[in-house]
């Protein structure tokens, strides 16, 4: 999966296929961390053709499938959760915080809070790019358009982690183990599929209107 992330990063920052939205330059590599070659394939099909370099060489981007906007927007919200778990997990386990006699619950809280904070930061970045550094506007937009998707994703991810933590490995897993991160990766994939339908519903209802990275 790291190899897939490197492929996307090299394509963007070495070969020059920069994304028109800076946020998407984080979304595509983060997606490759858990979806691997599938993320590289969708980036090649939907992400690279949005770059100025690709458009200069080939003209109009190819027609995308009707599911592309939903998938890309799910990638977008999933990135909040992916970065949240990468940041919060080592911190909570490193500090050794416990709740109700377990290290899992601080991770649950940390992952969710981290995902929400990163989602608001992404929205704030978009507001700043548009010329208005409006923190309150970013918070409102996140809660209106992103909170449901992030919450469903986190519920699926953390439900999977709880199952593995308590019933399969009996609280023996720690972030130092490769198996731990394999379980995280599987949980992120489960979260992505769980969040896809809520994202579709939000787009169809006109709640999600700023579809960053979506093929035009």
N, C-alpha and C. Protein backbone atom coordinates (compact mmCIF):
# COMPACT_ATOMS: atom_id res chain seq x y z
N UNK A 1 0.81 -1.20 0.00
CA UNK A 1 0.00 0.00 0.00
C UNK A 1 0.86 1.27 0.00
N UNK A 2 1.99 1.21 0.70
CA UNK A 2 2.90 2.35 0.66
C UNK A 2 3.41 2.58 -0.75
N UNK A 3 3.64 1.48 -1.50
CA UNK A 3 4.09 1.62 -2.88
C UNK A 3 3.06 2.36 -3.72
N UNK A 4 1.78 2.07 -3.50
CA UNK A 4 0.73 2.76 -4.24
C UNK A 4 0.71 4.25 -3.90
N UNK A 5 0.91 4.56 -2.64
CA UNK A 5 0.96 5.97 -2.23
C UNK A 5 2.14 6.68 -2.88
N UNK A 6 3.28 6.01 -2.93
CA UNK A 6 4.46 6.59 -3.57
C UNK A 6 4.21 6.84 -5.05
N UNK A 7 3.53 5.91 -5.71
CA UNK A 7 3.22 6.07 -7.14
C UNK A 7 2.41 7.35 -7.36
N UNK A 8 1.39 7.57 -6.53
CA UNK A 8 0.55 8.76 -6.68
C UNK A 8 1.35 10.02 -6.37
N UNK A 9 2.15 10.01 -5.31
CA UNK A 9 2.94 11.18 -4.96
C UNK A 9 3.95 11.54 -6.04
N UNK A 10 4.61 10.54 -6.60
CA UNK A 10 5.58 10.79 -7.67
C UNK A 10 4.88 11.36 -8.89
N UNK A 11 3.72 10.81 -9.22
CA UNK A 11 2.98 11.29 -10.39
C UNK A 11 2.59 12.76 -10.22
N UNK A 12 2.20 13.13 -9.00
CA UNK A 12 1.77 14.50 -8.76
C UNK A 12 2.94 15.47 -8.65
N UNK A 13 3.93 15.13 -7.84
CA UNK A 13 4.94 16.11 -7.47
C UNK A 13 6.26 15.98 -8.24
N UNK A 14 6.51 14.85 -8.87
CA UNK A 14 7.72 14.68 -9.68
C UNK A 14 7.40 14.79 -11.17
N UNK A 15 6.37 14.07 -11.60
CA UNK A 15 5.99 14.10 -13.01
C UNK A 15 5.12 15.30 -13.36
N UNK A 16 4.61 16.00 -12.35
CA UNK A 16 3.96 17.28 -12.59
C UNK A 16 2.47 17.26 -12.82
N UNK A 17 1.79 16.15 -12.49
CA UNK A 17 0.34 16.09 -12.67
C UNK A 17 -0.36 16.63 -11.43
N UNK A 18 -0.15 17.93 -11.17
CA UNK A 18 -0.69 18.56 -9.98
C UNK A 18 -2.19 18.72 -10.10
N UNK A 19 -2.88 18.57 -8.97
CA UNK A 19 -4.33 18.68 -8.95
C UNK A 19 -4.76 20.15 -8.85
N UNK A 20 -5.87 20.51 -9.50
CA UNK A 20 -6.35 21.90 -9.39
C UNK A 20 -6.76 22.26 -7.97
N UNK A 21 -7.18 21.28 -7.18
CA UNK A 21 -7.49 21.49 -5.77
C UNK A 21 -6.37 20.90 -4.92
N UNK A 22 -5.74 21.72 -4.10
CA UNK A 22 -4.64 21.25 -3.26
C UNK A 22 -5.09 20.16 -2.30
N UNK A 23 -6.34 20.23 -1.86
CA UNK A 23 -6.84 19.20 -0.95
C UNK A 23 -6.80 17.84 -1.61
N UNK A 24 -7.11 17.76 -2.91
CA UNK A 24 -7.09 16.47 -3.60
C UNK A 24 -5.68 15.90 -3.69
N UNK A 25 -4.67 16.74 -3.59
CA UNK A 25 -3.30 16.24 -3.57
C UNK A 25 -2.98 15.52 -2.27
N UNK A 26 -3.84 15.67 -1.26
CA UNK A 26 -3.75 14.88 -0.05
C UNK A 26 -4.70 13.68 -0.11
N UNK A 27 -5.85 13.89 -0.74
CA UNK A 27 -6.86 12.83 -0.77
C UNK A 27 -6.39 11.61 -1.54
N UNK A 28 -5.81 11.82 -2.73
CA UNK A 28 -5.41 10.66 -3.54
C UNK A 28 -4.32 9.81 -2.88
N UNK A 29 -3.24 10.39 -2.34
CA UNK A 29 -2.25 9.55 -1.65
C UNK A 29 -2.81 8.87 -0.40
N UNK A 30 -3.66 9.58 0.35
CA UNK A 30 -4.25 8.98 1.55
C UNK A 30 -5.14 7.80 1.18
N UNK A 31 -5.87 7.91 0.08
CA UNK A 31 -6.72 6.81 -0.37
C UNK A 31 -5.89 5.60 -0.75
N UNK A 32 -4.73 5.85 -1.36
CA UNK A 32 -3.85 4.74 -1.76
C UNK A 32 -3.30 3.99 -0.56
N UNK A 33 -3.27 4.64 0.62
CA UNK A 33 -2.76 3.97 1.81
C UNK A 33 -3.59 2.74 2.19
N UNK A 34 -4.90 2.79 1.91
CA UNK A 34 -5.72 1.64 2.30
C UNK A 34 -6.34 0.89 1.12
N UNK A 35 -6.53 1.57 -0.02
CA UNK A 35 -7.10 0.88 -1.19
C UNK A 35 -6.03 0.40 -2.17
N UNK A 36 -4.81 0.86 -1.99
CA UNK A 36 -3.69 0.36 -2.78
C UNK A 36 -3.86 0.54 -4.29
N UNK A 37 -3.64 -0.51 -5.07
CA UNK A 37 -3.74 -0.41 -6.53
C UNK A 37 -5.09 0.08 -7.04
N UNK A 38 -6.16 -0.21 -6.31
CA UNK A 38 -7.48 0.28 -6.72
C UNK A 38 -7.51 1.81 -6.69
N UNK A 39 -6.85 2.41 -5.70
CA UNK A 39 -6.78 3.87 -5.62
C UNK A 39 -5.93 4.43 -6.76
N UNK A 40 -4.83 3.75 -7.08
CA UNK A 40 -3.98 4.19 -8.20
C UNK A 40 -4.77 4.16 -9.50
N UNK A 41 -5.55 3.10 -9.68
CA UNK A 41 -6.36 2.98 -10.90
C UNK A 41 -7.38 4.11 -11.00
N UNK A 42 -8.08 4.40 -9.91
CA UNK A 42 -9.07 5.47 -9.96
C UNK A 42 -8.40 6.84 -10.08
N UNK A 43 -7.23 7.01 -9.47
CA UNK A 43 -6.49 8.27 -9.64
C UNK A 43 -6.10 8.46 -11.11
N UNK A 44 -5.60 7.39 -11.73
CA UNK A 44 -5.20 7.47 -13.13
C UNK A 44 -6.39 7.80 -14.03
N UNK A 45 -7.55 7.27 -13.68
CA UNK A 45 -8.74 7.46 -14.50
C UNK A 45 -9.42 8.79 -14.26
N UNK A 46 -9.46 9.24 -12.98
CA UNK A 46 -10.24 10.42 -12.63
C UNK A 46 -9.41 11.58 -12.10
N UNK A 47 -8.28 11.28 -11.47
CA UNK A 47 -7.49 12.34 -10.85
C UNK A 47 -6.50 12.98 -11.79
N UNK A 48 -5.64 12.18 -12.41
CA UNK A 48 -4.63 12.73 -13.31
C UNK A 48 -5.24 13.57 -14.44
N UNK A 49 -6.35 13.14 -15.07
CA UNK A 49 -6.91 13.96 -16.16
C UNK A 49 -7.43 15.34 -15.72
N UNK A 50 -7.49 15.61 -14.42
CA UNK A 50 -7.90 16.93 -13.96
C UNK A 50 -6.72 17.90 -13.90
N UNK A 51 -5.50 17.38 -14.03
CA UNK A 51 -4.32 18.23 -13.90
C UNK A 51 -4.14 19.09 -15.16
N UNK A 52 -3.54 20.25 -14.98
CA UNK A 52 -3.29 21.15 -16.10
C UNK A 52 -2.36 20.50 -17.12
N UNK A 53 -1.36 19.77 -16.65
CA UNK A 53 -0.43 19.13 -17.57
C UNK A 53 -1.14 18.12 -18.47
N UNK A 54 -2.04 17.32 -17.90
CA UNK A 54 -2.78 16.34 -18.69
C UNK A 54 -3.68 17.04 -19.70
N UNK A 55 -4.38 18.08 -19.25
CA UNK A 55 -5.29 18.81 -20.14
C UNK A 55 -4.54 19.49 -21.28
N UNK A 56 -3.35 20.02 -21.00
CA UNK A 56 -2.55 20.65 -22.05
C UNK A 56 -2.12 19.64 -23.10
N UNK A 57 -1.89 18.43 -22.68
CA UNK A 57 -1.41 17.40 -23.62
C UNK A 57 -2.53 16.69 -24.36
N UNK A 58 -3.67 16.52 -23.68
CA UNK A 58 -4.72 15.67 -24.25
C UNK A 58 -6.04 16.38 -24.50
N UNK A 59 -6.18 17.59 -24.00
CA UNK A 59 -7.44 18.29 -24.18
C UNK A 59 -8.47 17.92 -23.14
N UNK A 60 -9.71 17.80 -23.54
CA UNK A 60 -10.80 17.53 -22.62
C UNK A 60 -10.63 16.18 -21.94
N UNK A 61 -10.86 16.11 -20.61
CA UNK A 61 -10.70 14.82 -19.90
C UNK A 61 -11.74 13.81 -20.37
N UNK A 62 -11.45 12.51 -20.25
CA UNK A 62 -12.40 11.49 -20.68
C UNK A 62 -13.67 11.52 -19.83
N UNK A 63 -14.74 11.04 -20.41
CA UNK A 63 -16.02 11.01 -19.71
C UNK A 63 -15.94 10.04 -18.53
N UNK A 64 -16.34 10.52 -17.35
CA UNK A 64 -16.29 9.69 -16.15
C UNK A 64 -17.60 8.93 -15.99
N UNK A 65 -17.55 7.84 -15.24
CA UNK A 65 -18.76 7.07 -14.97
C UNK A 65 -19.67 7.86 -14.03
N UNK A 66 -20.93 7.48 -13.98
CA UNK A 66 -21.89 8.22 -13.15
C UNK A 66 -21.62 8.04 -11.66
N UNK A 67 -20.82 7.03 -11.31
CA UNK A 67 -20.51 6.81 -9.90
C UNK A 67 -19.24 7.55 -9.46
N UNK A 68 -18.56 8.19 -10.39
CA UNK A 68 -17.30 8.86 -10.05
C UNK A 68 -17.48 9.94 -8.99
N UNK A 69 -18.48 10.84 -9.10
CA UNK A 69 -18.61 11.87 -8.05
C UNK A 69 -18.81 11.29 -6.65
N UNK A 70 -19.65 10.26 -6.54
CA UNK A 70 -19.90 9.66 -5.23
C UNK A 70 -18.64 9.01 -4.68
N UNK A 71 -17.93 8.29 -5.54
CA UNK A 71 -16.71 7.61 -5.09
C UNK A 71 -15.65 8.60 -4.66
N UNK A 72 -15.45 9.65 -5.44
CA UNK A 72 -14.43 10.64 -5.11
C UNK A 72 -14.78 11.40 -3.84
N UNK A 73 -16.05 11.73 -3.66
CA UNK A 73 -16.44 12.43 -2.44
C UNK A 73 -16.34 11.52 -1.22
N UNK A 74 -16.54 10.22 -1.41
CA UNK A 74 -16.31 9.29 -0.30
C UNK A 74 -14.82 9.21 0.01
N UNK A 75 -13.98 9.21 -1.03
CA UNK A 75 -12.53 9.30 -0.80
C UNK A 75 -12.21 10.52 0.04
N UNK A 76 -12.86 11.62 -0.29
CA UNK A 76 -12.57 12.89 0.38
C UNK A 76 -12.85 12.80 1.87
N UNK A 77 -14.06 12.35 2.23
CA UNK A 77 -14.40 12.23 3.65
C UNK A 77 -13.60 11.12 4.33
N UNK A 78 -13.31 10.05 3.59
CA UNK A 78 -12.51 8.96 4.15
C UNK A 78 -11.12 9.43 4.52
N UNK A 79 -10.61 10.43 3.81
CA UNK A 79 -9.29 10.96 4.13
C UNK A 79 -9.28 11.59 5.52
N UNK A 80 -10.38 12.24 5.90
CA UNK A 80 -10.46 12.78 7.26
C UNK A 80 -10.24 11.66 8.28
N UNK A 81 -10.92 10.54 8.05
CA UNK A 81 -10.85 9.41 8.98
C UNK A 81 -9.49 8.73 8.93
N UNK A 82 -8.93 8.61 7.73
CA UNK A 82 -7.62 7.97 7.58
C UNK A 82 -6.54 8.75 8.31
N UNK A 83 -6.51 10.06 8.09
CA UNK A 83 -5.51 10.88 8.78
C UNK A 83 -5.78 10.93 10.27
N UNK A 84 -7.06 10.92 10.65
CA UNK A 84 -7.40 10.92 12.06
C UNK A 84 -6.87 9.69 12.78
N UNK A 85 -7.04 8.52 12.18
CA UNK A 85 -6.58 7.29 12.83
C UNK A 85 -5.06 7.21 12.83
N UNK A 86 -4.40 7.71 11.78
CA UNK A 86 -2.94 7.69 11.73
C UNK A 86 -2.34 8.58 12.82
N UNK A 87 -2.99 9.71 13.09
CA UNK A 87 -2.48 10.65 14.09
C UNK A 87 -2.88 10.22 15.50
N UNK A 88 -4.15 9.87 15.68
CA UNK A 88 -4.67 9.64 17.03
C UNK A 88 -4.19 8.32 17.63
N UNK A 89 -4.07 7.28 16.82
CA UNK A 89 -3.74 5.96 17.36
C UNK A 89 -2.38 5.93 18.06
N UNK A 90 -1.28 6.38 17.42
CA UNK A 90 0.00 6.36 18.13
C UNK A 90 -0.01 7.25 19.38
N UNK A 91 -0.75 8.36 19.32
CA UNK A 91 -0.79 9.26 20.48
C UNK A 91 -1.48 8.60 21.67
N UNK A 92 -2.67 8.03 21.42
CA UNK A 92 -3.42 7.45 22.54
C UNK A 92 -2.71 6.23 23.12
N UNK A 93 -2.15 5.40 22.27
CA UNK A 93 -1.42 4.23 22.78
C UNK A 93 -0.09 4.64 23.41
N UNK A 94 0.56 5.66 22.82
CA UNK A 94 1.85 6.10 23.35
C UNK A 94 1.73 6.70 24.74
N UNK A 95 0.67 7.48 24.95
CA UNK A 95 0.45 8.09 26.27
C UNK A 95 -0.03 7.04 27.27
N UNK A 96 -0.67 5.98 26.76
CA UNK A 96 -1.15 4.92 27.63
C UNK A 96 -2.46 5.23 28.33
N UNK A 97 -3.29 6.03 27.68
CA UNK A 97 -4.58 6.39 28.27
C UNK A 97 -5.52 5.18 28.24
N UNK A 98 -6.27 5.00 29.31
CA UNK A 98 -7.29 3.95 29.35
C UNK A 98 -8.63 4.54 29.77
N UNK A 99 -9.68 3.96 29.22
CA UNK A 99 -11.05 4.29 29.62
C UNK A 99 -11.80 2.99 29.84
N UNK A 100 -12.46 2.87 30.97
CA UNK A 100 -13.20 1.64 31.31
C UNK A 100 -12.29 0.42 31.23
N UNK A 101 -11.02 0.62 31.61
CA UNK A 101 -10.08 -0.49 31.68
C UNK A 101 -9.54 -0.95 30.34
N UNK A 102 -9.71 -0.15 29.28
CA UNK A 102 -9.24 -0.57 27.96
C UNK A 102 -8.59 0.60 27.24
N UNK A 103 -7.61 0.29 26.40
CA UNK A 103 -6.97 1.33 25.58
C UNK A 103 -7.76 1.62 24.32
N UNK A 104 -8.75 0.78 24.00
CA UNK A 104 -9.49 0.98 22.76
C UNK A 104 -10.35 2.23 22.80
N UNK A 105 -11.02 2.49 23.91
CA UNK A 105 -11.98 3.60 23.95
C UNK A 105 -11.31 4.95 23.78
N UNK A 106 -10.13 5.22 24.36
CA UNK A 106 -9.46 6.48 24.03
C UNK A 106 -9.12 6.59 22.55
N UNK A 107 -8.78 5.45 21.93
CA UNK A 107 -8.52 5.47 20.49
C UNK A 107 -9.79 5.82 19.72
N UNK A 108 -10.93 5.25 20.14
CA UNK A 108 -12.21 5.55 19.48
C UNK A 108 -12.48 7.05 19.54
N UNK A 109 -12.35 7.63 20.73
CA UNK A 109 -12.60 9.07 20.89
C UNK A 109 -11.59 9.87 20.07
N UNK A 110 -10.31 9.50 20.16
CA UNK A 110 -9.27 10.23 19.45
C UNK A 110 -9.43 10.17 17.94
N UNK A 111 -9.77 8.98 17.43
CA UNK A 111 -9.96 8.84 15.98
C UNK A 111 -11.11 9.71 15.49
N UNK A 112 -12.22 9.67 16.22
CA UNK A 112 -13.40 10.44 15.78
C UNK A 112 -13.15 11.95 15.87
N UNK A 113 -12.60 12.38 16.98
CA UNK A 113 -12.31 13.82 17.14
C UNK A 113 -11.29 14.27 16.10
N UNK A 114 -10.29 13.42 15.86
CA UNK A 114 -9.29 13.76 14.85
C UNK A 114 -9.89 13.87 13.47
N UNK A 115 -10.79 12.94 13.12
CA UNK A 115 -11.44 12.98 11.81
C UNK A 115 -12.27 14.25 11.64
N UNK A 116 -13.00 14.62 12.68
CA UNK A 116 -13.82 15.84 12.63
C UNK A 116 -12.93 17.07 12.51
N UNK A 117 -11.86 17.12 13.29
CA UNK A 117 -10.97 18.27 13.26
C UNK A 117 -10.32 18.43 11.88
N UNK A 118 -9.88 17.32 11.30
CA UNK A 118 -9.26 17.39 9.97
C UNK A 118 -10.29 17.78 8.92
N UNK A 119 -11.51 17.26 9.05
CA UNK A 119 -12.56 17.65 8.11
C UNK A 119 -12.85 19.14 8.16
N UNK A 120 -12.89 19.71 9.35
CA UNK A 120 -13.12 21.16 9.48
C UNK A 120 -11.93 21.92 8.91
N UNK A 121 -10.71 21.40 9.14
CA UNK A 121 -9.53 22.06 8.59
C UNK A 121 -9.55 22.06 7.06
N UNK A 122 -10.01 20.95 6.46
CA UNK A 122 -10.14 20.90 5.01
C UNK A 122 -11.13 21.95 4.53
N UNK A 123 -12.28 22.03 5.22
CA UNK A 123 -13.29 23.03 4.84
C UNK A 123 -12.74 24.45 5.02
N UNK A 124 -12.00 24.66 6.08
CA UNK A 124 -11.42 25.98 6.33
C UNK A 124 -10.43 26.34 5.23
N UNK A 125 -9.65 25.36 4.80
CA UNK A 125 -8.70 25.59 3.70
C UNK A 125 -9.42 26.01 2.43
N UNK A 126 -10.55 25.35 2.15
CA UNK A 126 -11.33 25.71 0.96
C UNK A 126 -11.89 27.12 1.10
N UNK A 127 -12.34 27.49 2.29
CA UNK A 127 -12.85 28.84 2.53
C UNK A 127 -11.75 29.87 2.34
N UNK A 128 -10.56 29.56 2.86
CA UNK A 128 -9.44 30.49 2.75
C UNK A 128 -9.04 30.68 1.30
N UNK A 129 -9.04 29.58 0.54
CA UNK A 129 -8.67 29.65 -0.87
C UNK A 129 -9.66 30.51 -1.65
N UNK A 130 -10.91 30.49 -1.19
CA UNK A 130 -11.94 31.28 -1.87
C UNK A 130 -11.88 32.76 -1.48
N UNK A 131 -10.98 33.09 -0.56
CA UNK A 131 -10.79 34.49 -0.22
C UNK A 131 -11.38 34.91 1.12
N UNK A 132 -11.95 34.00 1.87
CA UNK A 132 -12.52 34.38 3.16
C UNK A 132 -12.15 33.41 4.24
N UNK A 133 -11.32 33.84 5.17
CA UNK A 133 -10.91 32.96 6.27
C UNK A 133 -12.01 32.97 7.32
N UNK A 134 -13.01 32.12 7.11
CA UNK A 134 -14.19 32.12 7.97
C UNK A 134 -14.31 30.77 8.65
N UNK A 135 -13.79 30.69 9.86
CA UNK A 135 -13.81 29.43 10.59
C UNK A 135 -15.22 28.95 10.85
N UNK A 136 -16.12 29.86 11.21
CA UNK A 136 -17.48 29.45 11.52
C UNK A 136 -18.18 28.91 10.27
N UNK A 137 -17.92 29.51 9.12
CA UNK A 137 -18.50 29.01 7.87
C UNK A 137 -17.98 27.61 7.56
N UNK A 138 -16.71 27.37 7.81
CA UNK A 138 -16.14 26.05 7.58
C UNK A 138 -16.77 25.00 8.49
N UNK A 139 -17.00 25.36 9.73
CA UNK A 139 -17.62 24.44 10.68
C UNK A 139 -19.05 24.11 10.24
N UNK A 140 -19.80 25.14 9.86
CA UNK A 140 -21.18 24.91 9.42
C UNK A 140 -21.22 24.00 8.20
N UNK A 141 -20.36 24.25 7.23
CA UNK A 141 -20.36 23.44 6.02
C UNK A 141 -19.96 22.00 6.32
N UNK A 142 -19.00 21.82 7.22
CA UNK A 142 -18.60 20.46 7.56
C UNK A 142 -19.76 19.71 8.21
N UNK A 143 -20.40 20.33 9.19
CA UNK A 143 -21.49 19.64 9.89
C UNK A 143 -22.67 19.38 8.96
N UNK A 144 -22.89 20.23 8.00
CA UNK A 144 -24.01 20.05 7.08
C UNK A 144 -23.72 18.99 6.02
N UNK A 145 -22.51 19.02 5.44
CA UNK A 145 -22.23 18.19 4.28
C UNK A 145 -21.36 16.97 4.54
N UNK A 146 -20.58 16.98 5.63
CA UNK A 146 -19.58 15.93 5.82
C UNK A 146 -19.78 15.08 7.08
N UNK A 147 -20.44 15.63 8.09
CA UNK A 147 -20.49 14.94 9.38
C UNK A 147 -21.15 13.57 9.27
N UNK A 148 -22.23 13.45 8.51
CA UNK A 148 -22.91 12.16 8.39
C UNK A 148 -21.99 11.11 7.80
N UNK A 149 -21.32 11.45 6.70
CA UNK A 149 -20.43 10.50 6.05
C UNK A 149 -19.29 10.09 6.96
N UNK A 150 -18.68 11.08 7.61
CA UNK A 150 -17.57 10.80 8.53
C UNK A 150 -18.05 9.91 9.68
N UNK A 151 -19.23 10.19 10.21
CA UNK A 151 -19.75 9.43 11.36
C UNK A 151 -20.04 7.98 10.97
N UNK A 152 -20.63 7.77 9.79
CA UNK A 152 -20.89 6.40 9.33
C UNK A 152 -19.58 5.66 9.11
N UNK A 153 -18.63 6.33 8.47
CA UNK A 153 -17.32 5.73 8.25
C UNK A 153 -16.69 5.32 9.58
N UNK A 154 -16.68 6.24 10.54
CA UNK A 154 -16.05 5.96 11.83
C UNK A 154 -16.78 4.86 12.58
N UNK A 155 -18.10 4.82 12.51
CA UNK A 155 -18.86 3.78 13.18
C UNK A 155 -18.47 2.40 12.64
N UNK A 156 -18.36 2.29 11.31
CA UNK A 156 -17.97 1.01 10.70
C UNK A 156 -16.54 0.64 11.06
N UNK A 157 -15.63 1.61 10.95
CA UNK A 157 -14.22 1.37 11.27
C UNK A 157 -14.05 0.96 12.73
N UNK A 158 -14.63 1.72 13.63
CA UNK A 158 -14.42 1.46 15.05
C UNK A 158 -15.18 0.24 15.53
N UNK A 159 -16.29 -0.08 14.89
CA UNK A 159 -16.98 -1.34 15.20
C UNK A 159 -16.12 -2.53 14.84
N UNK A 160 -15.47 -2.45 13.68
CA UNK A 160 -14.54 -3.50 13.27
C UNK A 160 -13.37 -3.62 14.25
N UNK A 161 -12.80 -2.48 14.65
CA UNK A 161 -11.68 -2.50 15.59
C UNK A 161 -12.09 -3.10 16.93
N UNK A 162 -13.28 -2.77 17.39
CA UNK A 162 -13.76 -3.32 18.67
C UNK A 162 -13.92 -4.84 18.57
N UNK A 163 -14.45 -5.32 17.45
CA UNK A 163 -14.60 -6.76 17.25
C UNK A 163 -13.25 -7.45 17.30
N UNK A 164 -12.28 -6.91 16.59
CA UNK A 164 -10.94 -7.51 16.57
C UNK A 164 -10.27 -7.39 17.94
N UNK A 165 -10.43 -6.23 18.57
CA UNK A 165 -9.74 -5.95 19.82
C UNK A 165 -10.21 -6.86 20.95
N UNK A 166 -11.52 -7.01 21.08
CA UNK A 166 -12.06 -7.73 22.23
C UNK A 166 -12.30 -9.22 21.97
N UNK A 167 -12.69 -9.59 20.76
CA UNK A 167 -13.17 -10.94 20.52
C UNK A 167 -12.22 -11.83 19.71
N UNK A 168 -11.28 -11.22 19.02
CA UNK A 168 -10.34 -12.03 18.22
C UNK A 168 -8.96 -12.04 18.85
N UNK A 169 -8.42 -10.86 19.16
CA UNK A 169 -7.06 -10.78 19.70
C UNK A 169 -7.04 -10.53 21.21
N UNK A 170 -8.20 -10.38 21.82
CA UNK A 170 -8.31 -10.28 23.28
C UNK A 170 -7.37 -9.23 23.86
N UNK A 171 -7.41 -8.04 23.26
CA UNK A 171 -6.70 -6.86 23.76
C UNK A 171 -5.18 -7.02 23.76
N UNK A 172 -4.65 -7.83 22.87
CA UNK A 172 -3.20 -8.02 22.82
C UNK A 172 -2.52 -7.19 21.73
N UNK A 173 -3.28 -6.64 20.79
CA UNK A 173 -2.69 -5.91 19.68
C UNK A 173 -2.26 -4.50 20.10
N UNK A 174 -1.12 -4.06 19.55
CA UNK A 174 -0.63 -2.72 19.77
C UNK A 174 -0.10 -2.16 18.46
N UNK A 175 0.02 -0.82 18.34
CA UNK A 175 0.45 -0.20 17.08
C UNK A 175 1.82 -0.65 16.59
N UNK A 176 2.64 -1.22 17.46
CA UNK A 176 3.94 -1.71 17.02
C UNK A 176 3.87 -2.96 16.18
N UNK A 177 2.71 -3.60 16.12
CA UNK A 177 2.55 -4.84 15.37
C UNK A 177 2.05 -4.56 13.96
N UNK A 178 2.65 -5.18 12.93
CA UNK A 178 2.13 -5.03 11.56
C UNK A 178 0.69 -5.52 11.43
N UNK A 179 0.32 -6.53 12.22
CA UNK A 179 -1.05 -7.05 12.17
C UNK A 179 -2.04 -5.97 12.59
N UNK A 180 -1.65 -5.16 13.56
CA UNK A 180 -2.51 -4.06 14.01
C UNK A 180 -2.86 -3.15 12.85
N UNK A 181 -1.86 -2.76 12.06
CA UNK A 181 -2.10 -1.83 10.96
C UNK A 181 -2.80 -2.51 9.79
N UNK A 182 -2.63 -3.82 9.66
CA UNK A 182 -3.41 -4.55 8.66
C UNK A 182 -4.90 -4.51 9.02
N UNK A 183 -5.19 -4.67 10.31
CA UNK A 183 -6.57 -4.59 10.77
C UNK A 183 -7.13 -3.18 10.57
N UNK A 184 -6.31 -2.16 10.83
CA UNK A 184 -6.72 -0.78 10.56
C UNK A 184 -7.05 -0.61 9.08
N UNK A 185 -6.20 -1.15 8.22
CA UNK A 185 -6.42 -1.02 6.78
C UNK A 185 -7.74 -1.67 6.37
N UNK A 186 -8.00 -2.87 6.87
CA UNK A 186 -9.26 -3.54 6.56
C UNK A 186 -10.43 -2.71 7.07
N UNK A 187 -10.29 -2.12 8.25
CA UNK A 187 -11.33 -1.28 8.81
C UNK A 187 -11.60 -0.04 7.97
N UNK A 188 -10.54 0.55 7.41
CA UNK A 188 -10.71 1.71 6.53
C UNK A 188 -11.46 1.32 5.26
N UNK A 189 -11.18 0.15 4.73
CA UNK A 189 -11.90 -0.32 3.53
C UNK A 189 -13.37 -0.53 3.87
N UNK A 190 -13.64 -1.15 5.02
CA UNK A 190 -15.04 -1.35 5.45
C UNK A 190 -15.72 0.00 5.63
N UNK A 191 -15.02 0.95 6.24
CA UNK A 191 -15.58 2.28 6.43
C UNK A 191 -15.90 2.96 5.12
N UNK A 192 -15.03 2.80 4.13
CA UNK A 192 -15.27 3.40 2.82
C UNK A 192 -16.57 2.89 2.21
N UNK A 193 -16.76 1.58 2.21
CA UNK A 193 -17.98 1.01 1.61
C UNK A 193 -19.22 1.39 2.42
N UNK A 194 -19.08 1.50 3.74
CA UNK A 194 -20.22 1.91 4.56
C UNK A 194 -20.61 3.36 4.28
N UNK A 195 -19.62 4.22 4.00
CA UNK A 195 -19.88 5.65 3.81
C UNK A 195 -20.32 6.00 2.40
N UNK A 196 -20.21 5.06 1.47
CA UNK A 196 -20.52 5.37 0.07
C UNK A 196 -21.98 5.74 -0.13
N UNK A 197 -22.90 4.98 0.46
CA UNK A 197 -24.33 5.25 0.27
C UNK A 197 -24.75 6.58 0.90
N UNK A 198 -24.35 6.90 2.13
CA UNK A 198 -24.69 8.23 2.66
C UNK A 198 -24.17 9.37 1.79
N UNK A 199 -22.98 9.18 1.23
CA UNK A 199 -22.45 10.20 0.34
C UNK A 199 -23.33 10.38 -0.89
N UNK A 200 -23.76 9.26 -1.47
CA UNK A 200 -24.66 9.31 -2.63
C UNK A 200 -25.94 10.06 -2.29
N UNK A 201 -26.53 9.77 -1.14
CA UNK A 201 -27.78 10.43 -0.74
C UNK A 201 -27.58 11.93 -0.53
N UNK A 202 -26.44 12.32 0.07
CA UNK A 202 -26.17 13.74 0.30
C UNK A 202 -26.00 14.48 -1.03
N UNK A 203 -25.36 13.83 -2.00
CA UNK A 203 -25.19 14.46 -3.31
C UNK A 203 -26.53 14.60 -4.01
N UNK A 204 -27.34 13.55 -3.99
CA UNK A 204 -28.63 13.59 -4.67
C UNK A 204 -29.58 14.60 -4.06
N UNK A 205 -29.47 14.83 -2.77
CA UNK A 205 -30.33 15.80 -2.10
C UNK A 205 -29.80 17.22 -2.19
N UNK A 206 -28.65 17.40 -2.82
CA UNK A 206 -28.09 18.73 -2.98
C UNK A 206 -27.40 19.27 -1.75
N UNK A 207 -27.15 18.40 -0.78
CA UNK A 207 -26.45 18.84 0.44
C UNK A 207 -24.97 19.00 0.15
N UNK A 208 -24.40 18.04 -0.55
CA UNK A 208 -23.01 18.15 -0.99
C UNK A 208 -23.01 18.84 -2.35
N UNK A 209 -22.59 20.08 -2.36
CA UNK A 209 -22.59 20.84 -3.61
C UNK A 209 -21.19 21.17 -4.10
N UNK A 210 -20.21 21.20 -3.19
CA UNK A 210 -18.82 21.48 -3.57
C UNK A 210 -18.10 20.15 -3.76
N UNK A 211 -18.12 19.65 -5.00
CA UNK A 211 -17.58 18.32 -5.28
C UNK A 211 -16.14 18.43 -5.74
N UNK A 212 -15.23 18.65 -4.79
CA UNK A 212 -13.82 18.83 -5.11
C UNK A 212 -13.24 17.58 -5.77
N UNK A 213 -12.49 17.78 -6.85
CA UNK A 213 -11.82 16.67 -7.52
C UNK A 213 -12.70 15.88 -8.45
N UNK A 214 -13.98 16.25 -8.57
CA UNK A 214 -14.89 15.49 -9.42
C UNK A 214 -14.66 15.82 -10.88
N UNK A 215 -14.57 14.83 -11.75
CA UNK A 215 -14.40 15.10 -13.19
C UNK A 215 -15.49 16.00 -13.73
N UNK A 216 -15.09 16.97 -14.53
CA UNK A 216 -16.05 17.88 -15.12
C UNK A 216 -16.47 17.40 -16.51
